[in-house]
Amino acid sequence: MTKQKNSRRRGNDLLDSLYNATIKLTDTVKLTNLTFQQIAEEANTSRAVLYRRWTTPFELLQEIYNYKAKELFDGSFFDKLKDNGSLRSDFLQLLTLFQNTYKKIGAEIINNYYFLRTQDSDNSQETEMHKNAVEKYLRTMERILQNAETRGEKIKKVHHVTLMLPFDLIRTENLIRPENINKNRLATMVEEVLLPVFTE
């Protein structure tokens, strides 16, 4: 007997079922090959339900990963940052907090999000959350470096592109060698990469 489609679900209940069905499918289907038909069948609903909210599976995936990765992008973990007495300690704290948040959300969620960003060549699907995250990350780095200067540490003047280095570095580590990230690896990243770039 063909399973009857459940069209009575509404609101968050329906949304959760669509999110969960989509995430489940990404275990076996390439993101670029995912279709509304597959999602509808997995969620036991109709394609019309999907088309009423999203134009393409890409838009649905963006929404899912924005929702799942919100804690990383809203920068709430920055509130835990404190002045630790040295730039080395401040950088180590920053990377540790970032990595803890990354692990809490899950590498698959974050990596899929960044994969989707590479498919958006004209940035037409970039969300305000992502744009605001960059500004928060930059302001946080400026504060960390200003604290170091106030303590008397000699800090280089760098472009804002360089200010994103700690975040770009740890994201790259999570993409290509996540199994190596531990306290020693984070300390090496600070001592061998970040300190030489930002201090004289």
Foldseek 3Di string as FASTA:
>chain_A
DDDAADPPDDDPVLLVLLLVLVVVCVVPDPQVPDFLVSSCVSSRHDSVVVVVPDVTSLLVLLVSLCVLLVCLLVVPLLVVQDDPPALLVRLLSVLVSNVVSDVVSHLVSVVVNVVSVVVCVVCPSPDPSNVVSLVVQLVSLVVSLVVNVVSPFAWDDDDSVVSCVSVVVSNVCSVPPVVPDDSVVSSCCSVVPVCVVTGD
